[in-house]
Amino acid sequence: MSAASLPHEIRGVMLPVTGGRLLVPNTTMAEVITYAHPAPIGGAPPWLLGRLAWRGWGLPVLAFSALAGTADNESTENTRVAILKALSGYPRLPYFGVLTQGFPRLTLISEDILGSDEDAGALPIGVREQVRVHGEPAWIPDLAAVENLIVEALSVAA
């Protein structure tokens, strides 16, 4: 594909999480559902909130800010769960949920509105890069690393 035929914009989704925003590719989003208390997973780390029943799956649901260590408490008032398609190919983890503080927002990403965040320090766990979208900070999650952490936590908790 030549540079002339590459898209100038890509579709992303901004997920509001406690203490920040996640920018994920639109193609990873499966659905957004109303938060319901997940079934606890014994021995799971605090960031792994439990499992939610969704379309025949017991989805692991995580609090990204707790995983990243950027927030101590997660409010569940007015929250949703963003269901993301897993990319790592684990047969028992085709999807996972991320707790969101409000509604995710579709956004078109282009060179004009996306830039690196020069003020970013050390990246939190599960974050691939910190960027600025329309001048506001956002994290691009390392989805493969997050999926590996979920699988590891589930195997230890099981």
N, C-alpha and C. Protein backbone atom coordinates (compact mmCIF):
# COMPACT_ATOMS: atom_id res chain seq x y z
N MET A 1 0.86 -1.17 0.00
CA MET A 1 0.00 0.00 0.00
C MET A 1 0.90 1.23 0.00
N SER A 2 0.68 2.15 -0.91
CA SER A 2 1.50 3.35 -0.98
C SER A 2 1.07 4.35 0.08
N ALA A 3 1.98 5.28 0.39
CA ALA A 3 1.69 6.29 1.40
C ALA A 3 0.49 7.14 0.99
N ALA A 4 0.31 7.33 -0.32
CA ALA A 4 -0.82 8.14 -0.79
C ALA A 4 -2.15 7.47 -0.50
N SER A 5 -2.18 6.14 -0.43
CA SER A 5 -3.45 5.45 -0.21
C SER A 5 -3.72 5.13 1.25
N LEU A 6 -2.79 5.44 2.14
CA LEU A 6 -3.01 5.20 3.57
C LEU A 6 -4.03 6.20 4.12
N PRO A 7 -4.85 5.77 5.07
CA PRO A 7 -5.83 6.70 5.64
C PRO A 7 -5.13 7.80 6.43
N HIS A 8 -5.70 8.99 6.39
CA HIS A 8 -5.15 10.12 7.13
C HIS A 8 -5.74 10.19 8.53
N GLU A 9 -6.80 9.45 8.75
CA GLU A 9 -7.46 9.39 10.06
C GLU A 9 -7.75 7.94 10.40
N ILE A 10 -7.70 7.66 11.68
CA ILE A 10 -8.15 6.35 12.16
C ILE A 10 -9.19 6.59 13.24
N ARG A 11 -10.04 5.61 13.44
CA ARG A 11 -11.07 5.74 14.46
C ARG A 11 -10.56 5.15 15.76
N GLY A 12 -10.70 5.93 16.79
CA GLY A 12 -10.33 5.49 18.12
C GLY A 12 -11.48 5.70 19.07
N VAL A 13 -11.35 5.14 20.25
CA VAL A 13 -12.36 5.32 21.29
C VAL A 13 -11.63 5.78 22.55
N MET A 14 -12.13 6.86 23.12
CA MET A 14 -11.60 7.37 24.38
C MET A 14 -12.43 6.76 25.51
N LEU A 15 -11.75 6.02 26.38
CA LEU A 15 -12.41 5.40 27.53
C LEU A 15 -12.06 6.21 28.77
N PRO A 16 -13.03 6.87 29.40
CA PRO A 16 -12.73 7.60 30.62
C PRO A 16 -12.56 6.62 31.79
N VAL A 17 -11.38 6.64 32.40
CA VAL A 17 -11.11 5.81 33.57
C VAL A 17 -10.72 6.73 34.71
N THR A 18 -10.76 6.24 35.92
CA THR A 18 -10.41 7.06 37.07
C THR A 18 -9.00 7.62 36.87
N GLY A 19 -8.89 8.92 36.90
CA GLY A 19 -7.59 9.57 36.81
C GLY A 19 -7.02 9.71 35.41
N GLY A 20 -7.79 9.39 34.38
CA GLY A 20 -7.25 9.53 33.03
C GLY A 20 -8.20 9.03 31.96
N ARG A 21 -7.64 8.90 30.77
CA ARG A 21 -8.40 8.40 29.62
C ARG A 21 -7.54 7.40 28.86
N LEU A 22 -8.17 6.36 28.37
CA LEU A 22 -7.50 5.38 27.53
C LEU A 22 -7.91 5.62 26.08
N LEU A 23 -6.98 5.54 25.18
CA LEU A 23 -7.26 5.62 23.75
C LEU A 23 -7.02 4.24 23.16
N VAL A 24 -8.10 3.62 22.67
CA VAL A 24 -8.00 2.29 22.07
C VAL A 24 -8.53 2.34 20.64
N PRO A 25 -8.05 1.44 19.79
CA PRO A 25 -8.59 1.38 18.43
C PRO A 25 -10.07 1.00 18.45
N ASN A 26 -10.84 1.62 17.60
CA ASN A 26 -12.27 1.32 17.52
C ASN A 26 -12.51 -0.16 17.23
N THR A 27 -11.61 -0.78 16.50
CA THR A 27 -11.80 -2.18 16.13
C THR A 27 -11.70 -3.13 17.32
N THR A 28 -11.16 -2.68 18.44
CA THR A 28 -11.08 -3.55 19.62
C THR A 28 -12.36 -3.50 20.45
N MET A 29 -13.22 -2.52 20.20
CA MET A 29 -14.45 -2.37 20.98
C MET A 29 -15.52 -3.34 20.50
N ALA A 30 -16.06 -4.11 21.42
CA ALA A 30 -17.16 -5.01 21.09
C ALA A 30 -18.49 -4.40 21.50
N GLU A 31 -18.54 -3.84 22.70
CA GLU A 31 -19.81 -3.32 23.22
C GLU A 31 -19.51 -2.54 24.50
N VAL A 32 -20.47 -1.72 24.89
CA VAL A 32 -20.44 -1.04 26.19
C VAL A 32 -21.70 -1.45 26.92
N ILE A 33 -21.54 -1.92 28.16
CA ILE A 33 -22.69 -2.38 28.94
C ILE A 33 -22.75 -1.63 30.27
N THR A 34 -23.93 -1.63 30.86
CA THR A 34 -24.12 -1.04 32.18
C THR A 34 -23.37 -1.88 33.20
N TYR A 35 -22.76 -1.23 34.15
CA TYR A 35 -22.01 -1.93 35.19
C TYR A 35 -22.95 -2.72 36.08
N ALA A 36 -22.58 -3.94 36.35
CA ALA A 36 -23.22 -4.79 37.35
C ALA A 36 -22.09 -5.39 38.17
N HIS A 37 -22.33 -5.61 39.44
CA HIS A 37 -21.27 -6.16 40.28
C HIS A 37 -20.83 -7.51 39.74
N PRO A 38 -19.55 -7.64 39.41
CA PRO A 38 -19.08 -8.92 38.89
C PRO A 38 -18.95 -9.96 40.00
N ALA A 39 -19.01 -11.22 39.63
CA ALA A 39 -18.80 -12.31 40.58
C ALA A 39 -17.33 -12.31 40.97
N PRO A 40 -17.04 -12.26 42.27
CA PRO A 40 -15.64 -12.19 42.70
C PRO A 40 -14.85 -13.43 42.28
N ILE A 41 -13.55 -13.21 42.11
CA ILE A 41 -12.62 -14.29 41.80
C ILE A 41 -11.69 -14.42 43.00
N GLY A 42 -11.80 -15.52 43.72
CA GLY A 42 -10.98 -15.71 44.91
C GLY A 42 -9.50 -15.67 44.60
N GLY A 43 -8.75 -14.91 45.38
CA GLY A 43 -7.31 -14.82 45.22
C GLY A 43 -6.85 -13.91 44.10
N ALA A 44 -7.78 -13.21 43.46
CA ALA A 44 -7.41 -12.30 42.36
C ALA A 44 -6.85 -11.00 42.92
N PRO A 45 -5.98 -10.33 42.18
CA PRO A 45 -5.49 -9.03 42.62
C PRO A 45 -6.62 -8.01 42.66
N PRO A 46 -6.46 -6.92 43.42
CA PRO A 46 -7.55 -5.94 43.57
C PRO A 46 -8.02 -5.30 42.26
N TRP A 47 -7.15 -5.21 41.28
CA TRP A 47 -7.54 -4.59 40.01
C TRP A 47 -8.44 -5.49 39.17
N LEU A 48 -8.43 -6.79 39.45
CA LEU A 48 -9.30 -7.73 38.74
C LEU A 48 -10.59 -7.86 39.55
N LEU A 49 -11.62 -7.15 39.12
CA LEU A 49 -12.84 -6.97 39.91
C LEU A 49 -13.70 -8.22 39.99
N GLY A 50 -13.58 -9.11 39.03
CA GLY A 50 -14.40 -10.32 39.01
C GLY A 50 -14.80 -10.66 37.59
N ARG A 51 -15.85 -11.48 37.48
CA ARG A 51 -16.35 -11.91 36.17
C ARG A 51 -17.80 -11.47 35.99
N LEU A 52 -18.09 -11.01 34.78
CA LEU A 52 -19.46 -10.66 34.39
C LEU A 52 -19.93 -11.63 33.32
N ALA A 53 -21.18 -12.03 33.41
CA ALA A 53 -21.76 -12.86 32.35
C ALA A 53 -22.10 -11.97 31.17
N TRP A 54 -21.60 -12.34 30.00
CA TRP A 54 -21.85 -11.58 28.78
C TRP A 54 -21.81 -12.54 27.60
N ARG A 55 -22.94 -12.69 26.93
CA ARG A 55 -23.06 -13.52 25.73
C ARG A 55 -22.46 -14.92 25.92
N GLY A 56 -22.71 -15.51 27.06
CA GLY A 56 -22.24 -16.86 27.31
C GLY A 56 -20.82 -16.95 27.84
N TRP A 57 -20.16 -15.82 28.00
CA TRP A 57 -18.80 -15.80 28.51
C TRP A 57 -18.79 -15.26 29.94
N GLY A 58 -17.85 -15.71 30.74
CA GLY A 58 -17.60 -15.12 32.05
C GLY A 58 -16.43 -14.17 31.90
N LEU A 59 -16.74 -12.92 31.55
CA LEU A 59 -15.69 -11.95 31.23
C LEU A 59 -14.96 -11.46 32.47
N PRO A 60 -13.63 -11.50 32.46
CA PRO A 60 -12.91 -10.83 33.53
C PRO A 60 -13.05 -9.31 33.33
N VAL A 61 -13.31 -8.61 34.43
CA VAL A 61 -13.46 -7.15 34.39
C VAL A 61 -12.36 -6.54 35.23
N LEU A 62 -11.68 -5.55 34.67
CA LEU A 62 -10.59 -4.93 35.41
C LEU A 62 -10.81 -3.45 35.58
N ALA A 63 -10.22 -2.94 36.65
CA ALA A 63 -10.17 -1.50 36.89
C ALA A 63 -8.78 -1.06 36.43
N PHE A 64 -8.71 -0.42 35.26
CA PHE A 64 -7.42 -0.10 34.67
C PHE A 64 -6.59 0.79 35.57
N SER A 65 -7.21 1.77 36.20
CA SER A 65 -6.46 2.68 37.06
C SER A 65 -5.83 1.96 38.24
N ALA A 66 -6.53 0.96 38.78
CA ALA A 66 -5.96 0.17 39.87
C ALA A 66 -4.81 -0.69 39.36
N LEU A 67 -4.95 -1.26 38.17
CA LEU A 67 -3.87 -2.03 37.57
C LEU A 67 -2.64 -1.15 37.37
N ALA A 68 -2.86 0.03 36.82
CA ALA A 68 -1.75 0.94 36.51
C ALA A 68 -1.17 1.60 37.76
N GLY A 69 -1.90 1.54 38.87
CA GLY A 69 -1.42 2.17 40.10
C GLY A 69 -1.61 3.67 40.12
N THR A 70 -2.56 4.17 39.32
CA THR A 70 -2.78 5.62 39.25
C THR A 70 -3.96 6.09 40.09
N ALA A 71 -4.70 5.15 40.68
CA ALA A 71 -5.83 5.51 41.55
C ALA A 71 -5.98 4.45 42.62
N ASP A 72 -6.29 4.89 43.82
CA ASP A 72 -6.49 3.96 44.93
C ASP A 72 -7.91 3.41 44.97
N ASN A 73 -8.87 4.26 44.64
CA ASN A 73 -10.28 3.87 44.73
C ASN A 73 -10.95 3.98 43.37
N GLU A 74 -11.86 3.07 43.11
CA GLU A 74 -12.66 3.10 41.89
C GLU A 74 -14.11 3.30 42.27
N SER A 75 -14.71 4.34 41.77
CA SER A 75 -16.14 4.55 41.98
C SER A 75 -16.90 3.69 40.98
N THR A 76 -18.01 3.12 41.43
CA THR A 76 -18.85 2.36 40.51
C THR A 76 -20.15 3.11 40.21
N GLU A 77 -20.23 4.37 40.63
CA GLU A 77 -21.40 5.19 40.33
C GLU A 77 -21.28 5.72 38.91
N ASN A 78 -22.32 5.58 38.13
CA ASN A 78 -22.36 6.02 36.72
C ASN A 78 -21.30 5.35 35.87
N THR A 79 -20.93 4.14 36.20
CA THR A 79 -19.90 3.45 35.43
C THR A 79 -20.51 2.53 34.39
N ARG A 80 -19.70 2.21 33.44
CA ARG A 80 -20.03 1.26 32.39
C ARG A 80 -18.87 0.27 32.30
N VAL A 81 -19.07 -0.75 31.51
CA VAL A 81 -17.99 -1.69 31.23
C VAL A 81 -17.80 -1.71 29.72
N ALA A 82 -16.60 -1.35 29.29
CA ALA A 82 -16.26 -1.44 27.87
C ALA A 82 -15.75 -2.85 27.62
N ILE A 83 -16.40 -3.56 26.72
CA ILE A 83 -15.99 -4.92 26.37
C ILE A 83 -15.00 -4.80 25.21
N LEU A 84 -13.78 -5.26 25.45
CA LEU A 84 -12.73 -5.20 24.43
C LEU A 84 -12.43 -6.59 23.89
N LYS A 85 -12.16 -6.66 22.61
CA LYS A 85 -11.75 -7.91 21.98
C LYS A 85 -10.29 -8.16 22.37
N ALA A 86 -10.02 -9.34 22.86
CA ALA A 86 -8.64 -9.70 23.20
C ALA A 86 -7.88 -9.98 21.91
N LEU A 87 -6.62 -9.60 21.89
CA LEU A 87 -5.83 -9.72 20.68
C LEU A 87 -4.78 -10.81 20.74
N SER A 88 -4.55 -11.37 21.92
CA SER A 88 -3.42 -12.28 22.10
C SER A 88 -3.70 -13.72 21.71
N GLY A 89 -4.94 -14.06 21.44
CA GLY A 89 -5.25 -15.40 20.97
C GLY A 89 -5.42 -16.45 22.05
N TYR A 90 -5.55 -16.04 23.31
CA TYR A 90 -5.83 -17.01 24.36
C TYR A 90 -7.26 -17.52 24.15
N PRO A 91 -7.44 -18.83 23.96
CA PRO A 91 -8.79 -19.33 23.66
C PRO A 91 -9.80 -19.08 24.76
N ARG A 92 -9.36 -19.00 26.00
CA ARG A 92 -10.29 -18.80 27.11
C ARG A 92 -10.47 -17.31 27.44
N LEU A 93 -9.83 -16.44 26.66
CA LEU A 93 -9.95 -15.00 26.90
C LEU A 93 -10.17 -14.27 25.57
N PRO A 94 -11.35 -14.47 24.95
CA PRO A 94 -11.60 -13.76 23.70
C PRO A 94 -11.99 -12.30 23.92
N TYR A 95 -12.47 -11.98 25.11
CA TYR A 95 -12.89 -10.62 25.47
C TYR A 95 -12.55 -10.37 26.93
N PHE A 96 -12.46 -9.10 27.27
CA PHE A 96 -12.37 -8.71 28.68
C PHE A 96 -13.02 -7.35 28.83
N GLY A 97 -13.39 -7.02 30.06
CA GLY A 97 -14.07 -5.76 30.32
C GLY A 97 -13.18 -4.79 31.06
N VAL A 98 -13.35 -3.51 30.75
CA VAL A 98 -12.63 -2.43 31.43
C VAL A 98 -13.68 -1.49 32.02
N LEU A 99 -13.55 -1.22 33.30
CA LEU A 99 -14.46 -0.31 33.98
C LEU A 99 -14.23 1.10 33.44
N THR A 100 -15.31 1.78 33.02
CA THR A 100 -15.19 3.15 32.53
C THR A 100 -16.04 4.08 33.39
N GLN A 101 -15.57 5.28 33.53
CA GLN A 101 -16.28 6.30 34.30
C GLN A 101 -17.09 7.15 33.32
N GLY A 102 -18.22 6.65 32.93
CA GLY A 102 -19.05 7.36 31.96
C GLY A 102 -19.01 6.65 30.62
N PHE A 103 -19.42 7.36 29.60
CA PHE A 103 -19.54 6.77 28.27
C PHE A 103 -18.25 6.92 27.47
N PRO A 104 -17.80 5.86 26.84
CA PRO A 104 -16.69 5.98 25.90
C PRO A 104 -17.10 6.89 24.74
N ARG A 105 -16.11 7.52 24.12
CA ARG A 105 -16.39 8.48 23.05
C ARG A 105 -15.58 8.13 21.81
N LEU A 106 -16.28 7.96 20.70
CA LEU A 106 -15.63 7.72 19.42
C LEU A 106 -14.93 9.01 18.99
N THR A 107 -13.70 8.88 18.49
CA THR A 107 -12.97 10.05 18.04
C THR A 107 -12.12 9.69 16.83
N LEU A 108 -12.01 10.62 15.91
CA LEU A 108 -11.14 10.43 14.75
C LEU A 108 -9.76 10.93 15.13
N ILE A 109 -8.76 10.10 14.91
CA ILE A 109 -7.39 10.44 15.28
C ILE A 109 -6.61 10.74 14.01
N SER A 110 -5.97 11.90 14.01
CA SER A 110 -5.12 12.29 12.89
C SER A 110 -3.84 12.91 13.46
N GLU A 111 -2.89 13.15 12.59
CA GLU A 111 -1.63 13.77 13.02
C GLU A 111 -1.86 15.12 13.69
N ASP A 112 -2.90 15.83 13.26
CA ASP A 112 -3.16 17.17 13.78
C ASP A 112 -3.56 17.17 15.25
N ILE A 113 -4.23 16.11 15.70
CA ILE A 113 -4.75 16.12 17.07
C ILE A 113 -4.01 15.18 18.01
N LEU A 114 -3.13 14.33 17.48
CA LEU A 114 -2.41 13.36 18.31
C LEU A 114 -0.95 13.74 18.38
N GLY A 115 -0.42 13.78 19.59
CA GLY A 115 0.99 14.08 19.77
C GLY A 115 1.54 13.36 20.98
N SER A 116 2.85 13.26 21.03
CA SER A 116 3.45 12.64 22.21
C SER A 116 3.35 13.61 23.38
N ASP A 117 3.35 13.06 24.57
CA ASP A 117 3.25 13.88 25.78
C ASP A 117 4.65 14.05 26.34
N GLU A 118 5.22 15.23 26.13
CA GLU A 118 6.58 15.51 26.57
C GLU A 118 6.69 15.54 28.09
N ASP A 119 5.57 15.75 28.79
CA ASP A 119 5.57 15.83 30.25
C ASP A 119 5.43 14.46 30.90
N ALA A 120 5.27 13.42 30.11
CA ALA A 120 5.06 12.08 30.67
C ALA A 120 6.32 11.60 31.36
N GLY A 121 6.14 11.08 32.55
CA GLY A 121 7.27 10.49 33.27
C GLY A 121 7.31 9.01 32.97
N ALA A 122 7.61 8.24 34.01
CA ALA A 122 7.61 6.78 33.86
C ALA A 122 6.19 6.32 33.56
N LEU A 123 6.07 5.40 32.65
CA LEU A 123 4.75 4.91 32.25
C LEU A 123 4.22 3.92 33.29
N PRO A 124 2.94 4.04 33.61
CA PRO A 124 2.32 3.08 34.54
C PRO A 124 2.25 1.68 33.93
N ILE A 125 2.03 0.69 34.78
CA ILE A 125 1.85 -0.68 34.32
C ILE A 125 0.67 -0.73 33.35
N GLY A 126 0.84 -1.44 32.26
CA GLY A 126 -0.24 -1.60 31.28
C GLY A 126 -0.36 -0.47 30.28
N VAL A 127 0.54 0.52 30.35
CA VAL A 127 0.49 1.66 29.43
C VAL A 127 1.64 1.55 28.44
N ARG A 128 1.31 1.62 27.18
CA ARG A 128 2.31 1.55 26.11
C ARG A 128 2.92 2.92 25.85
N GLU A 129 2.06 3.95 25.88
CA GLU A 129 2.54 5.31 25.61
C GLU A 129 1.54 6.31 26.17
N GLN A 130 2.08 7.45 26.61
CA GLN A 130 1.22 8.56 27.00
C GLN A 130 1.25 9.57 25.88
N VAL A 131 0.07 10.00 25.45
CA VAL A 131 -0.05 10.92 24.33
C VAL A 131 -0.95 12.09 24.72
N ARG A 132 -1.08 13.01 23.79
CA ARG A 132 -2.05 14.10 23.94
C ARG A 132 -2.99 14.05 22.75
N VAL A 133 -4.28 14.09 23.06
CA VAL A 133 -5.33 14.11 22.05
C VAL A 133 -6.08 15.42 22.25
N HIS A 134 -6.07 16.27 21.24
CA HIS A 134 -6.64 17.61 21.37
C HIS A 134 -6.02 18.34 22.56
N GLY A 135 -4.74 18.11 22.81
CA GLY A 135 -4.03 18.77 23.89
C GLY A 135 -4.23 18.17 25.27
N GLU A 136 -5.12 17.19 25.39
CA GLU A 136 -5.40 16.55 26.68
C GLU A 136 -4.66 15.22 26.78
N PRO A 137 -4.12 14.90 27.97
CA PRO A 137 -3.37 13.65 28.11
C PRO A 137 -4.27 12.41 28.00
N ALA A 138 -3.71 11.37 27.43
CA ALA A 138 -4.40 10.08 27.33
C ALA A 138 -3.34 8.98 27.31
N TRP A 139 -3.74 7.79 27.74
CA TRP A 139 -2.85 6.64 27.70
C TRP A 139 -3.25 5.72 26.57
N ILE A 140 -2.27 5.21 25.86
CA ILE A 140 -2.50 4.12 24.93
C ILE A 140 -2.11 2.86 25.69
N PRO A 141 -3.09 2.00 25.98
CA PRO A 141 -2.77 0.82 26.77
C PRO A 141 -1.98 -0.21 25.96
N ASP A 142 -1.16 -0.96 26.65
CA ASP A 142 -0.47 -2.10 26.06
C ASP A 142 -1.40 -3.29 26.22
N LEU A 143 -2.29 -3.46 25.26
CA LEU A 143 -3.34 -4.47 25.38
C LEU A 143 -2.79 -5.89 25.52
N ALA A 144 -1.70 -6.19 24.83
CA ALA A 144 -1.11 -7.53 24.95
C ALA A 144 -0.60 -7.76 26.37
N ALA A 145 0.05 -6.75 26.95
CA ALA A 145 0.55 -6.88 28.33
C ALA A 145 -0.61 -7.01 29.31
N VAL A 146 -1.68 -6.23 29.10
CA VAL A 146 -2.85 -6.30 29.97
C VAL A 146 -3.47 -7.70 29.90
N GLU A 147 -3.61 -8.22 28.69
CA GLU A 147 -4.16 -9.57 28.54
C GLU A 147 -3.29 -10.60 29.24
N ASN A 148 -1.98 -10.47 29.12
CA ASN A 148 -1.07 -11.40 29.81
C ASN A 148 -1.24 -11.31 31.32
N LEU A 149 -1.40 -10.09 31.85
CA LEU A 149 -1.61 -9.92 33.28
C LEU A 149 -2.92 -10.56 33.73
N ILE A 150 -3.96 -10.43 32.92
CA ILE A 150 -5.25 -11.05 33.25
C ILE A 150 -5.10 -12.57 33.28
N VAL A 151 -4.49 -13.13 32.24
CA VAL A 151 -4.32 -14.59 32.17
C VAL A 151 -3.49 -15.08 33.36
N GLU A 152 -2.43 -14.36 33.68
CA GLU A 152 -1.58 -14.74 34.82
C GLU A 152 -2.37 -14.68 36.12
N ALA A 153 -3.13 -13.60 36.32
CA ALA A 153 -3.92 -13.45 37.54
C ALA A 153 -4.98 -14.55 37.65
N LEU A 154 -5.61 -14.88 36.54
CA LEU A 154 -6.63 -15.93 36.56
C LEU A 154 -6.03 -17.30 36.86
N SER A 155 -4.83 -17.56 36.35
CA SER A 155 -4.21 -18.86 36.59
C SER A 155 -3.76 -19.00 38.04
N VAL A 156 -3.33 -17.91 38.66
CA VAL A 156 -2.93 -17.93 40.07
C VAL A 156 -4.15 -18.04 40.96
N ALA A 157 -5.23 -17.33 40.59
CA ALA A 157 -6.44 -17.31 41.41
C ALA A 157 -7.22 -18.61 41.30
N ALA A 158 -7.06 -19.33 40.21
CA ALA A 158 -7.86 -20.54 39.99
C ALA A 158 -7.50 -21.67 40.93
